[in-house]
Amino acid sequence: MKVKYIIFFICSLTTHILYAQKVEVIEPAVLECEYYKRVVTDTLDRKNDYKAEPARLRIGQNSSMFYSPRELRWDSLGTDRKKRAMMFIEYSRKTGGKSPSGVFHEYVYKNFPENKVTVFNHFALMNWTYEEEWEKPQWALKDSTKVILEYSCQLAISHYRGRVWYAWFTFDIPISEGPWKLCGLPGLILEAYDKDKDYSFTATSLVSKGIQPVGIYDFYGHDWAKTTRKKYLETRYKELHTDPTERMSTMYGLKRSEEKKALKHRNYDFEETDYH
């Protein structure tokens, strides 16, 4: 990573406005499942062009949260500018310039508030949130079985919001939960992927003790911009397919280049495609 970028990052931390933390505990957690989340970032090269890192499903008696542990750890430093700067520098040196905040920033809460799904994310230089009715996938059970983490699992298939999803769930853990917005089966989903495997979630571990509560961990006390699911996805998609230099030119009134650059890692869509 270039030294100038690190200096700019530290300066931005030292001039950051101090916010009040807003941590809202929803309920105690009874189980946490960690998944390996993989997202294809160019459907023209599914094998090699992707991003991946751990993601966790924290489950309570009535609600759940699906999040990136790296993002939560980074957020937990809040406005402690010194710790954030040191963590940023140390992690960047070890990983060749990668951000300690990870590659996935979305938090998904199921049944919070009751019968609703709430989503938080940071993109397009803003903090976004939306709330929607909790629409569960409708599954068709299949005869196929396999073992995941020593649990016998059965296959189920659903057409959900523009994609065909395959889920392997286990009756041995009778919790009707799963990664992201997937749920509604008579057992915990330990593996799920869409038809083309552009999105996949594979369970790597289960923990039932020493888990932090299900809650809203807003260590900055952000002023969230409330929107709808459709607008949220449309705005993300627009940002995804816009050259960053063009966005900066628009923001600051700079002259745009007439030459359109080919964007790398942009030939893909989100888990939900029904918003188009």
C-alpha atoms as a PDB file:
ATOM      1  CA  MET A   1       0.000   0.000   0.000  1.00  0.00           C
ATOM      2  CA  LYS A   2       1.239   3.463  -0.854  1.00  0.00           C
ATOM      3  CA  VAL A   3       2.529   5.571   2.025  1.00  0.00           C
ATOM      4  CA  LYS A   4       0.401   8.531   0.898  1.00  0.00           C
ATOM      5  CA  TYR A   5      -2.761   6.491   1.261  1.00  0.00           C
ATOM      6  CA  ILE A   6      -1.850   5.417   4.790  1.00  0.00           C
ATOM      7  CA  ILE A   7      -1.072   9.030   5.769  1.00  0.00           C
ATOM      8  CA  PHE A   8      -4.395  10.181   4.303  1.00  0.00           C
ATOM      9  CA  PHE A   9      -6.220   7.447   6.219  1.00  0.00           C
ATOM     10  CA  ILE A  10      -4.612   8.410   9.535  1.00  0.00           C
ATOM     11  CA  CYS A  11      -5.396  12.069   8.947  1.00  0.00           C
ATOM     12  CA  SER A  12      -9.006  11.247   8.224  1.00  0.00           C
ATOM     13  CA  LEU A  13      -9.210   9.357  11.524  1.00  0.00           C
ATOM     14  CA  THR A  14      -7.673  12.156  13.523  1.00  0.00           C
ATOM     15  CA  THR A  15     -10.187  14.641  12.155  1.00  0.00           C
ATOM     16  CA  HIS A  16     -13.215  12.364  12.538  1.00  0.00           C
ATOM     17  CA  ILE A  17     -16.186  13.742  14.459  1.00  0.00           C
ATOM     18  CA  LEU A  18     -16.837  11.911  17.707  1.00  0.00           C
ATOM     19  CA  TYR A  19     -20.169  10.091  17.748  1.00  0.00           C
ATOM     20  CA  ALA A  20     -22.117   8.542  20.605  1.00  0.00           C
ATOM     21  CA  GLN A  21     -22.175   4.769  20.569  1.00  0.00           C
ATOM     22  CA  LYS A  22     -25.556   3.125  20.057  1.00  0.00           C
ATOM     23  CA  VAL A  23     -25.496  -0.538  21.056  1.00  0.00           C
ATOM     24  CA  GLU A  24     -28.924  -2.123  21.316  1.00  0.00           C
ATOM     25  CA  VAL A  25     -29.091  -5.640  22.755  1.00  0.00           C
ATOM     26  CA  ILE A  26     -32.002  -7.552  21.234  1.00  0.00           C
ATOM     27  CA  GLU A  27     -31.705 -10.858  23.098  1.00  0.00           C
ATOM     28  CA  PRO A  28     -29.152 -13.460  24.266  1.00  0.00           C
ATOM     29  CA  ALA A  29     -27.696 -15.747  21.607  1.00  0.00           C
ATOM     30  CA  VAL A  30     -28.115 -19.514  21.824  1.00  0.00           C
ATOM     31  CA  LEU A  31     -26.003 -20.555  18.819  1.00  0.00           C
ATOM     32  CA  GLU A  32     -23.563 -19.080  16.339  1.00  0.00           C
ATOM     33  CA  CYS A  33     -22.670 -20.659  13.012  1.00  0.00           C
ATOM     34  CA  GLU A  34     -19.688 -19.505  10.986  1.00  0.00           C
ATOM     35  CA  TYR A  35     -19.823 -19.883   7.215  1.00  0.00           C
ATOM     36  CA  TYR A  36     -17.323 -19.505   4.430  1.00  0.00           C
ATOM     37  CA  LYS A  37     -19.031 -16.937   2.222  1.00  0.00           C
ATOM     38  CA  ARG A  38     -17.952 -16.791  -1.421  1.00  0.00           C
ATOM     39  CA  VAL A  39     -19.224 -14.289  -3.986  1.00  0.00           C
ATOM     40  CA  VAL A  40     -18.366 -14.405  -7.684  1.00  0.00           C
ATOM     41  CA  THR A  41     -17.406 -10.888  -8.783  1.00  0.00           C
ATOM     42  CA  ASP A  42     -17.287 -11.543 -12.508  1.00  0.00           C
ATOM     43  CA  THR A  43     -19.614 -14.125 -14.024  1.00  0.00           C
ATOM     44  CA  LEU A  44     -17.331 -14.337 -17.071  1.00  0.00           C
ATOM     45  CA  ASP A  45     -14.674 -15.951 -14.866  1.00  0.00           C
ATOM     46  CA  ARG A  46     -16.511 -17.644 -11.996  1.00  0.00           C
ATOM     47  CA  LYS A  47     -13.567 -19.859 -11.091  1.00  0.00           C
ATOM     48  CA  ASN A  48     -10.996 -17.137 -10.471  1.00  0.00           C
ATOM     49  CA  ASP A  49     -12.821 -13.821 -10.020  1.00  0.00           C
ATOM     50  CA  TYR A  50     -14.451 -13.830  -6.596  1.00  0.00           C
ATOM     51  CA  LYS A  51     -14.238 -12.491  -3.046  1.00  0.00           C
ATOM     52  CA  ALA A  52     -14.591 -14.583   0.083  1.00  0.00           C
ATOM     53  CA  GLU A  53     -14.231 -14.448   3.851  1.00  0.00           C
ATOM     54  CA  PRO A  54     -15.954 -15.795   6.981  1.00  0.00           C
ATOM     55  CA  ALA A  55     -19.482 -14.673   7.831  1.00  0.00           C
ATOM     56  CA  ARG A  56     -21.467 -15.516  10.963  1.00  0.00           C
ATOM     57  CA  LEU A  57     -25.059 -16.220  11.831  1.00  0.00           C
ATOM     58  CA  ARG A  58     -25.787 -15.350  15.469  1.00  0.00           C
ATOM     59  CA  ILE A  59     -29.077 -16.897  16.580  1.00  0.00           C
ATOM     60  CA  GLY A  60     -31.347 -16.006  19.494  1.00  0.00           C
ATOM     61  CA  GLN A  61     -34.648 -17.554  20.563  1.00  0.00           C
ATOM     62  CA  ASN A  62     -36.643 -15.168  18.378  1.00  0.00           C
ATOM     63  CA  SER A  63     -34.239 -13.301  16.095  1.00  0.00           C
ATOM     64  CA  SER A  64     -30.877 -13.554  14.359  1.00  0.00           C
ATOM     65  CA  MET A  65     -28.113 -11.441  12.869  1.00  0.00           C
ATOM     66  CA  PHE A  66     -25.910 -12.306   9.898  1.00  0.00           C
ATOM     67  CA  TYR A  67     -22.690 -10.334   9.708  1.00  0.00           C
ATOM     68  CA  SER A  68     -18.982 -10.194   8.905  1.00  0.00           C
ATOM     69  CA  PRO A  69     -16.851 -10.753  12.032  1.00  0.00           C
ATOM     70  CA  ARG A  70     -14.076  -8.666  10.484  1.00  0.00           C
ATOM     71  CA  GLU A  71     -16.491  -5.795   9.909  1.00  0.00           C
ATOM     72  CA  LEU A  72     -17.850  -6.037  13.450  1.00  0.00           C
ATOM     73  CA  ARG A  73     -14.334  -6.084  14.925  1.00  0.00           C
ATOM     74  CA  TRP A  74     -13.381  -3.011  12.894  1.00  0.00           C
ATOM     75  CA  ASP A  75     -16.593  -1.229  13.855  1.00  0.00           C
ATOM     76  CA  SER A  76     -16.053  -2.107  17.522  1.00  0.00           C
ATOM     77  CA  LEU A  77     -13.067   0.240  17.649  1.00  0.00           C
ATOM     78  CA  GLY A  78     -15.590   3.025  17.152  1.00  0.00           C
ATOM     79  CA  THR A  79     -14.007   6.446  17.320  1.00  0.00           C
ATOM     80  CA  ASP A  80     -10.785   5.248  18.958  1.00  0.00           C
ATOM     81  CA  ARG A  81      -8.648   6.864  16.284  1.00  0.00           C
ATOM     82  CA  LYS A  82      -5.322   5.536  17.518  1.00  0.00           C
ATOM     83  CA  LYS A  83      -6.435   1.894  17.670  1.00  0.00           C
ATOM     84  CA  ARG A  84      -8.086   2.096  14.253  1.00  0.00           C
ATOM     85  CA  ALA A  85      -4.986   3.644  12.695  1.00  0.00           C
ATOM     86  CA  MET A  86      -2.659   1.050  14.229  1.00  0.00           C
ATOM     87  CA  MET A  87      -4.937  -1.823  13.260  1.00  0.00           C
ATOM     88  CA  PHE A  88      -5.213  -0.472   9.720  1.00  0.00           C
ATOM     89  CA  ILE A  89      -1.447  -0.159   9.299  1.00  0.00           C
ATOM     90  CA  GLU A  90      -0.659  -3.544  10.869  1.00  0.00           C
ATOM     91  CA  TYR A  91      -3.278  -5.421   8.861  1.00  0.00           C
ATOM     92  CA  SER A  92      -2.325  -3.651   5.630  1.00  0.00           C
ATOM     93  CA  ARG A  93       1.310  -4.633   6.049  1.00  0.00           C
ATOM     94  CA  LYS A  94       0.424  -8.278   6.669  1.00  0.00           C
ATOM     95  CA  THR A  95      -2.031  -8.557   3.782  1.00  0.00           C
ATOM     96  CA  GLY A  96      -0.408  -6.347   1.167  1.00  0.00           C
ATOM     97  CA  GLY A  97      -2.830  -3.455   1.473  1.00  0.00           C
ATOM     98  CA  LYS A  98      -6.142  -5.134   2.272  1.00  0.00           C
ATOM     99  CA  SER A  99      -8.581  -3.400   4.586  1.00  0.00           C
ATOM    100  CA  PRO A 100      -9.136  -4.836   8.093  1.00  0.00           C
ATOM    101  CA  SER A 101     -12.843  -4.128   7.731  1.00  0.00           C
ATOM    102  CA  GLY A 102     -13.210  -7.026   5.327  1.00  0.00           C
ATOM    103  CA  VAL A 103     -15.041  -7.269   2.028  1.00  0.00           C
ATOM    104  CA  PHE A 104     -18.615  -7.749   3.263  1.00  0.00           C
ATOM    105  CA  HIS A 105     -20.214  -4.898   5.211  1.00  0.00           C
ATOM    106  CA  GLU A 106     -23.899  -5.803   5.318  1.00  0.00           C
ATOM    107  CA  TYR A 107     -25.734  -6.713   8.543  1.00  0.00           C
ATOM    108  CA  VAL A 108     -28.990  -8.671   8.141  1.00  0.00           C
ATOM    109  CA  TYR A 109     -31.440  -9.037  11.062  1.00  0.00           C
ATOM    110  CA  LYS A 110     -34.302 -11.514  10.764  1.00  0.00           C
ATOM    111  CA  ASN A 111     -37.456 -11.070  12.866  1.00  0.00           C
ATOM    112  CA  PHE A 112     -36.295  -7.675  14.091  1.00  0.00           C
ATOM    113  CA  PRO A 113     -38.590  -5.919  14.620  1.00  0.00           C
ATOM    114  CA  GLU A 114     -41.101  -8.755  14.904  1.00  0.00           C
ATOM    115  CA  ASN A 115     -42.044 -10.203  11.507  1.00  0.00           C
ATOM    116  CA  LYS A 116     -39.612  -7.828   9.800  1.00  0.00           C
ATOM    117  CA  VAL A 117     -36.121  -8.007   8.293  1.00  0.00           C
ATOM    118  CA  THR A 118     -33.767  -5.082   8.899  1.00  0.00           C
ATOM    119  CA  VAL A 119     -30.593  -4.457   6.905  1.00  0.00           C
ATOM    120  CA  PHE A 120     -27.693  -2.072   7.558  1.00  0.00           C
ATOM    121  CA  ASN A 121     -24.811  -1.284   5.201  1.00  0.00           C
ATOM    122  CA  HIS A 122     -22.234   1.340   4.240  1.00  0.00           C
ATOM    123  CA  PHE A 123     -21.807   2.315   0.572  1.00  0.00           C
ATOM    124  CA  ALA A 124     -21.942   5.330  -1.742  1.00  0.00           C
ATOM    125  CA  LEU A 125     -20.363   7.369   1.071  1.00  0.00           C
ATOM    126  CA  MET A 126     -23.465   6.926   3.234  1.00  0.00           C
ATOM    127  CA  ASN A 127     -24.895   4.688   5.957  1.00  0.00           C
ATOM    128  CA  TRP A 128     -28.043   2.925   4.742  1.00  0.00           C
ATOM    129  CA  THR A 129     -30.796   0.925   6.397  1.00  0.00           C
ATOM    130  CA  TYR A 130     -34.128  -0.500   5.330  1.00  0.00           C
ATOM    131  CA  GLU A 131     -36.889  -2.555   6.896  1.00  0.00           C
ATOM    132  CA  GLU A 132     -39.110  -5.002   5.042  1.00  0.00           C
ATOM    133  CA  GLU A 133     -41.740  -7.641   5.709  1.00  0.00           C
ATOM    134  CA  TRP A 134     -40.138 -10.966   6.603  1.00  0.00           C
ATOM    135  CA  GLU A 135     -40.720 -12.950   3.431  1.00  0.00           C
ATOM    136  CA  LYS A 136     -39.412 -16.474   3.922  1.00  0.00           C
ATOM    137  CA  PRO A 137     -38.369 -18.656   0.985  1.00  0.00           C
ATOM    138  CA  GLN A 138     -40.771 -21.456   0.066  1.00  0.00           C
ATOM    139  CA  TRP A 139     -38.859 -24.737  -0.150  1.00  0.00           C
ATOM    140  CA  ALA A 140     -39.347 -28.048  -1.918  1.00  0.00           C
ATOM    141  CA  LEU A 141     -37.673 -30.920  -0.060  1.00  0.00           C
ATOM    142  CA  LYS A 142     -35.589 -33.392  -2.074  1.00  0.00           C
ATOM    143  CA  ASP A 143     -34.333 -36.907  -1.323  1.00  0.00           C
ATOM    144  CA  SER A 144     -30.622 -36.039  -1.650  1.00  0.00           C
ATOM    145  CA  THR A 145     -28.548 -36.173   1.531  1.00  0.00           C
ATOM    146  CA  LYS A 146     -24.953 -35.504   2.591  1.00  0.00           C
ATOM    147  CA  VAL A 147     -22.912 -34.886   5.727  1.00  0.00           C
ATOM    148  CA  ILE A 148     -21.706 -31.412   6.749  1.00  0.00           C
ATOM    149  CA  LEU A 149     -19.794 -30.870  10.011  1.00  0.00           C
ATOM    150  CA  GLU A 150     -20.740 -34.448  10.966  1.00  0.00           C
ATOM    151  CA  TYR A 151     -24.457 -33.609  10.661  1.00  0.00           C
ATOM    152  CA  SER A 152     -26.679 -35.475   8.233  1.00  0.00           C
ATOM    153  CA  CYS A 153     -28.244 -32.931   5.891  1.00  0.00           C
ATOM    154  CA  GLN A 154     -31.106 -32.996   3.395  1.00  0.00           C
ATOM    155  CA  LEU A 155     -31.457 -30.911   0.243  1.00  0.00           C
ATOM    156  CA  ALA A 156     -34.182 -28.313  -0.365  1.00  0.00           C
ATOM    157  CA  ILE A 157     -34.732 -25.992  -3.348  1.00  0.00           C
ATOM    158  CA  SER A 158     -36.422 -22.593  -3.549  1.00  0.00           C
ATOM    159  CA  HIS A 159     -37.082 -19.891  -6.157  1.00  0.00           C
ATOM    160  CA  TYR A 160     -36.446 -16.785  -4.085  1.00  0.00           C
ATOM    161  CA  ARG A 161     -36.273 -13.212  -5.325  1.00  0.00           C
ATOM    162  CA  GLY A 162     -34.842 -13.914  -8.736  1.00  0.00           C
ATOM    163  CA  ARG A 163     -32.537 -16.854  -8.011  1.00  0.00           C
ATOM    164  CA  VAL A 164     -32.857 -20.591  -7.571  1.00  0.00           C
ATOM    165  CA  TRP A 165     -31.398 -21.554  -4.191  1.00  0.00           C
ATOM    166  CA  TYR A 166     -30.184 -24.942  -2.980  1.00  0.00           C
ATOM    167  CA  ALA A 167     -29.962 -25.462   0.770  1.00  0.00           C
ATOM    168  CA  TRP A 168     -28.647 -28.350   2.838  1.00  0.00           C
ATOM    169  CA  PHE A 169     -30.252 -28.372   6.279  1.00  0.00           C
ATOM    170  CA  THR A 170     -30.088 -30.722   9.256  1.00  0.00           C
ATOM    171  CA  PHE A 171     -32.959 -32.030  11.367  1.00  0.00           C
ATOM    172  CA  ASP A 172     -30.383 -32.563  14.143  1.00  0.00           C
ATOM    173  CA  ILE A 173     -30.394 -28.807  14.829  1.00  0.00           C
ATOM    174  CA  PRO A 174     -34.125 -27.956  14.775  1.00  0.00           C
ATOM    175  CA  ILE A 175     -33.661 -24.213  14.313  1.00  0.00           C
ATOM    176  CA  SER A 176     -35.410 -22.728  11.273  1.00  0.00           C
ATOM    177  CA  GLU A 177     -32.502 -20.444  10.365  1.00  0.00           C
ATOM    178  CA  GLY A 178     -29.765 -19.996   7.788  1.00  0.00           C
ATOM    179  CA  PRO A 179     -27.268 -17.568   6.262  1.00  0.00           C
ATOM    180  CA  TRP A 180     -28.320 -14.208   4.855  1.00  0.00           C
ATOM    181  CA  LYS A 181     -32.154 -14.164   4.415  1.00  0.00           C
ATOM    182  CA  LEU A 182     -32.408 -17.910   3.864  1.00  0.00           C
ATOM    183  CA  CYS A 183     -34.538 -19.717   6.445  1.00  0.00           C
ATOM    184  CA  GLY A 184     -37.877 -21.487   6.804  1.00  0.00           C
ATOM    185  CA  LEU A 185     -36.730 -25.117   6.876  1.00  0.00           C
ATOM    186  CA  PRO A 186     -37.224 -27.571   9.787  1.00  0.00           C
ATOM    187  CA  GLY A 187     -33.540 -27.359  10.670  1.00  0.00           C
ATOM    188  CA  LEU A 188     -30.463 -25.146  10.453  1.00  0.00           C
ATOM    189  CA  ILE A 189     -29.085 -24.574   6.945  1.00  0.00           C
ATOM    190  CA  LEU A 190     -25.425 -25.600   6.923  1.00  0.00           C
ATOM    191  CA  GLU A 191     -24.793 -24.999   3.238  1.00  0.00           C
ATOM    192  CA  ALA A 192     -26.547 -22.918   0.590  1.00  0.00           C
ATOM    193  CA  TYR A 193     -25.823 -21.682  -2.915  1.00  0.00           C
ATOM    194  CA  ASP A 194     -27.670 -20.367  -5.923  1.00  0.00           C
ATOM    195  CA  LYS A 195     -27.987 -22.287  -9.184  1.00  0.00           C
ATOM    196  CA  ASP A 196     -24.807 -20.856 -10.734  1.00  0.00           C
ATOM    197  CA  LYS A 197     -22.937 -20.747  -7.389  1.00  0.00           C
ATOM    198  CA  ASP A 198     -22.412 -17.022  -7.694  1.00  0.00           C
ATOM    199  CA  TYR A 199     -23.251 -16.938  -3.990  1.00  0.00           C
ATOM    200  CA  SER A 200     -22.392 -19.746  -1.610  1.00  0.00           C
ATOM    201  CA  PHE A 201     -22.356 -20.239   2.154  1.00  0.00           C
ATOM    202  CA  THR A 202     -20.700 -23.283   3.742  1.00  0.00           C
ATOM    203  CA  ALA A 203     -20.729 -23.860   7.506  1.00  0.00           C
ATOM    204  CA  THR A 204     -17.264 -24.276   9.031  1.00  0.00           C
ATOM    205  CA  SER A 205     -18.017 -24.249  12.776  1.00  0.00           C
ATOM    206  CA  LEU A 206     -20.748 -24.080  15.413  1.00  0.00           C
ATOM    207  CA  VAL A 207     -20.487 -22.426  18.840  1.00  0.00           C
ATOM    208  CA  SER A 208     -23.063 -22.581  21.634  1.00  0.00           C
ATOM    209  CA  LYS A 209     -21.184 -20.962  24.535  1.00  0.00           C
ATOM    210  CA  GLY A 210     -19.614 -17.579  25.199  1.00  0.00           C
ATOM    211  CA  ILE A 211     -21.510 -15.820  22.401  1.00  0.00           C
ATOM    212  CA  GLN A 212     -22.260 -12.106  22.509  1.00  0.00           C
ATOM    213  CA  PRO A 213     -25.959 -11.155  22.340  1.00  0.00           C
ATOM    214  CA  VAL A 214     -27.908 -10.625  19.144  1.00  0.00           C
ATOM    215  CA  GLY A 215     -27.986  -6.857  18.826  1.00  0.00           C
ATOM    216  CA  ILE A 216     -27.434  -3.661  16.856  1.00  0.00           C
ATOM    217  CA  TYR A 217     -23.737  -2.875  17.313  1.00  0.00           C
ATOM    218  CA  ASP A 218     -23.523   0.700  16.071  1.00  0.00           C
ATOM    219  CA  PHE A 219     -20.265   1.776  17.694  1.00  0.00           C
ATOM    220  CA  TYR A 220     -20.253   5.058  15.771  1.00  0.00           C
ATOM    221  CA  GLY A 221     -23.835   6.055  16.456  1.00  0.00           C
ATOM    222  CA  HIS A 222     -24.405   6.597  12.745  1.00  0.00           C
ATOM    223  CA  ASP A 223     -27.199   8.722  11.367  1.00  0.00           C
ATOM    224  CA  TRP A 224     -28.709   6.039   9.118  1.00  0.00           C
ATOM    225  CA  ALA A 225     -30.391   6.975   5.849  1.00  0.00           C
ATOM    226  CA  LYS A 226     -33.668   5.025   5.782  1.00  0.00           C
ATOM    227  CA  THR A 227     -34.752   3.680   2.435  1.00  0.00           C
ATOM    228  CA  THR A 228     -36.635   0.810   0.797  1.00  0.00           C
ATOM    229  CA  ARG A 229     -35.231  -2.550  -0.284  1.00  0.00           C
ATOM    230  CA  LYS A 230     -35.682  -1.669  -3.961  1.00  0.00           C
ATOM    231  CA  LYS A 231     -34.007   1.740  -3.651  1.00  0.00           C
ATOM    232  CA  TYR A 232     -31.214   0.230  -1.549  1.00  0.00           C
ATOM    233  CA  LEU A 233     -30.405  -2.380  -4.204  1.00  0.00           C
ATOM    234  CA  GLU A 234     -30.760   0.110  -7.070  1.00  0.00           C
ATOM    235  CA  THR A 235     -28.324   2.502  -5.369  1.00  0.00           C
ATOM    236  CA  ARG A 236     -25.808  -0.267  -4.659  1.00  0.00           C
ATOM    237  CA  TYR A 237     -26.046  -1.500  -8.235  1.00  0.00           C
ATOM    238  CA  LYS A 238     -25.479   1.998  -9.601  1.00  0.00           C
ATOM    239  CA  GLU A 239     -22.412   2.445  -7.413  1.00  0.00           C
ATOM    240  CA  LEU A 240     -21.117  -0.973  -8.431  1.00  0.00           C
ATOM    241  CA  HIS A 241     -21.283  -0.099 -12.112  1.00  0.00           C
ATOM    242  CA  THR A 242     -19.911   3.439 -11.867  1.00  0.00           C
ATOM    243  CA  ASP A 243     -16.225   4.287 -12.185  1.00  0.00           C
ATOM    244  CA  PRO A 244     -15.046   5.636  -8.771  1.00  0.00           C
ATOM    245  CA  THR A 245     -13.236   8.522 -10.496  1.00  0.00           C
ATOM    246  CA  GLU A 246     -16.485   9.468 -12.205  1.00  0.00           C
ATOM    247  CA  ARG A 247     -18.293   9.508  -8.861  1.00  0.00           C
ATOM    248  CA  MET A 248     -15.641  11.786  -7.368  1.00  0.00           C
ATOM    249  CA  SER A 249     -15.847  14.076 -10.394  1.00  0.00           C
ATOM    250  CA  THR A 250     -19.605  14.358  -9.952  1.00  0.00           C
ATOM    251  CA  MET A 251     -19.301  15.075  -6.221  1.00  0.00           C
ATOM    252  CA  TYR A 252     -16.684  17.792  -6.537  1.00  0.00           C
ATOM    253  CA  GLY A 253     -17.673  19.274  -9.883  1.00  0.00           C
ATOM    254  CA  LEU A 254     -14.490  18.181 -11.634  1.00  0.00           C
ATOM    255  CA  LYS A 255     -14.174  17.696 -15.376  1.00  0.00           C
ATOM    256  CA  ARG A 256     -15.019  14.161 -16.411  1.00  0.00           C
ATOM    257  CA  SER A 257     -12.945  12.107 -18.760  1.00  0.00           C
ATOM    258  CA  GLU A 258     -14.681  11.371 -22.059  1.00  0.00           C
ATOM    259  CA  GLU A 259     -13.068   7.937 -22.110  1.00  0.00           C
ATOM    260  CA  LYS A 260     -15.161   5.211 -20.520  1.00  0.00           C
ATOM    261  CA  LYS A 261     -13.012   2.757 -18.586  1.00  0.00           C
ATOM    262  CA  ALA A 262     -13.789  -0.927 -18.438  1.00  0.00           C
ATOM    263  CA  LEU A 263     -14.670  -1.766 -14.836  1.00  0.00           C
ATOM    264  CA  LYS A 264     -13.082  -4.808 -13.273  1.00  0.00           C
ATOM    265  CA  HIS A 265     -15.068  -7.141 -10.990  1.00  0.00           C
ATOM    266  CA  ARG A 266     -18.403  -5.648 -12.008  1.00  0.00           C
ATOM    267  CA  ASN A 267     -20.119  -8.300 -14.111  1.00  0.00           C
ATOM    268  CA  TYR A 268     -22.358  -9.648 -11.363  1.00  0.00           C
ATOM    269  CA  ASP A 269     -25.503  -8.914  -9.396  1.00  0.00           C
ATOM    270  CA  PHE A 270     -26.704  -9.268  -5.809  1.00  0.00           C
ATOM    271  CA  GLU A 271     -28.318 -12.192  -3.993  1.00  0.00           C
ATOM    272  CA  GLU A 272     -31.680 -10.665  -4.934  1.00  0.00           C
ATOM    273  CA  THR A 273     -32.215  -9.774  -8.573  1.00  0.00           C
ATOM    274  CA  ASP A 274     -35.960  -9.092  -8.532  1.00  0.00           C
ATOM    275  CA  TYR A 275     -35.487  -5.334  -8.037  1.00  0.00           C
ATOM    276  CA  HIS A 276     -34.615  -4.688 -11.710  1.00  0.00           C
END
